[in-house]
Amino acid sequence: MNKRIVSSLTVSVALLISSVSVQATPISVGMGASWTDSPYKGYGAVYYPLPHIAFSNEIFFINNFTAGAYVYSDENQKVSLGVSYLPLEFKTKDTDNSQMKQLSKRHSTLLAEARYSLSTEFGSFAASIGADVLNESNSVLINASYAYAFSGDKWSIEPRIGINWANDKHNDYYYGISHSESARSGLAYHDAKSSFTPYISIVGNYALTQNFGTYLGARVDKLTGDAKNSPMIANSTVPSVFAGVTYNF
């Protein structure tokens, strides 16, 4: 597969590092790397630098590509409003497929996002809804997930299952092919409707010292419906792995 170092992050990587949360400290910074197999034709496997920053107090929070404020918070429940960077994009220069090079670029955007989380002895539940605020894709994205964490003195492991729903405008922007694009590329016209993307992930953290820690994780997304059936897509199963080091203040 075609392998390259790129500076931009895909949405799968953004979702991956959102799993690396603050571990018993209000501020955490770090750096790592990620590998993911892009679903787009001609992209192949790509490697990414993976910066990490997390901060949280009773009012505000930053978690990598998401920042916002809590509008309600107690011991078990949190409701927040914020903005989240959606780095999903398609660049013609990054594909080796001659037909894909004839398509238009698809740009990243910012989402206004509302999020709810609930922690119980049986695990944690999270749900969010986000909408494009830059009028790039006019995306509306809804996510729900469940996780159960296992932990020891210096380590924790958190498996998670979840599902994303994307509206038709999101899918048509990132996976659709217009009549003019079809004419110049030879790829079939594709008017993409809304679809679900289920996923599973697992993240492990280990405390090397009082301040330094390390993390390792993997995630698999499964495109379905019109996202999966797009002529732009080579792989409907999208695996990613990542690892890095954090410093907790």
Foldseek 3Di string as FASTA:
>chain_A
DDEDEDEFDAQVLVVVQLVVADDPFQKKWWKWKKWKQDFFAQQGIYMYIRTFIWGDDQFWIDGRQWIWTWPDDDPFKTKTWTKGKHRHKDDLVNGPDQLSVLADIQGIFMWTKIKMKGQDPVWIKIKMWTAGPVPRQRKIKIKIKTWDWDDDPFKIKIKMKMKMKIAQSNLCRRQAADPVSCVVRVFDGARFGIDMKIKIKMKMKGAPDPFKIKMKMKMWIAADGSNCVGPRGDDRIMIMIMMIMMTGD
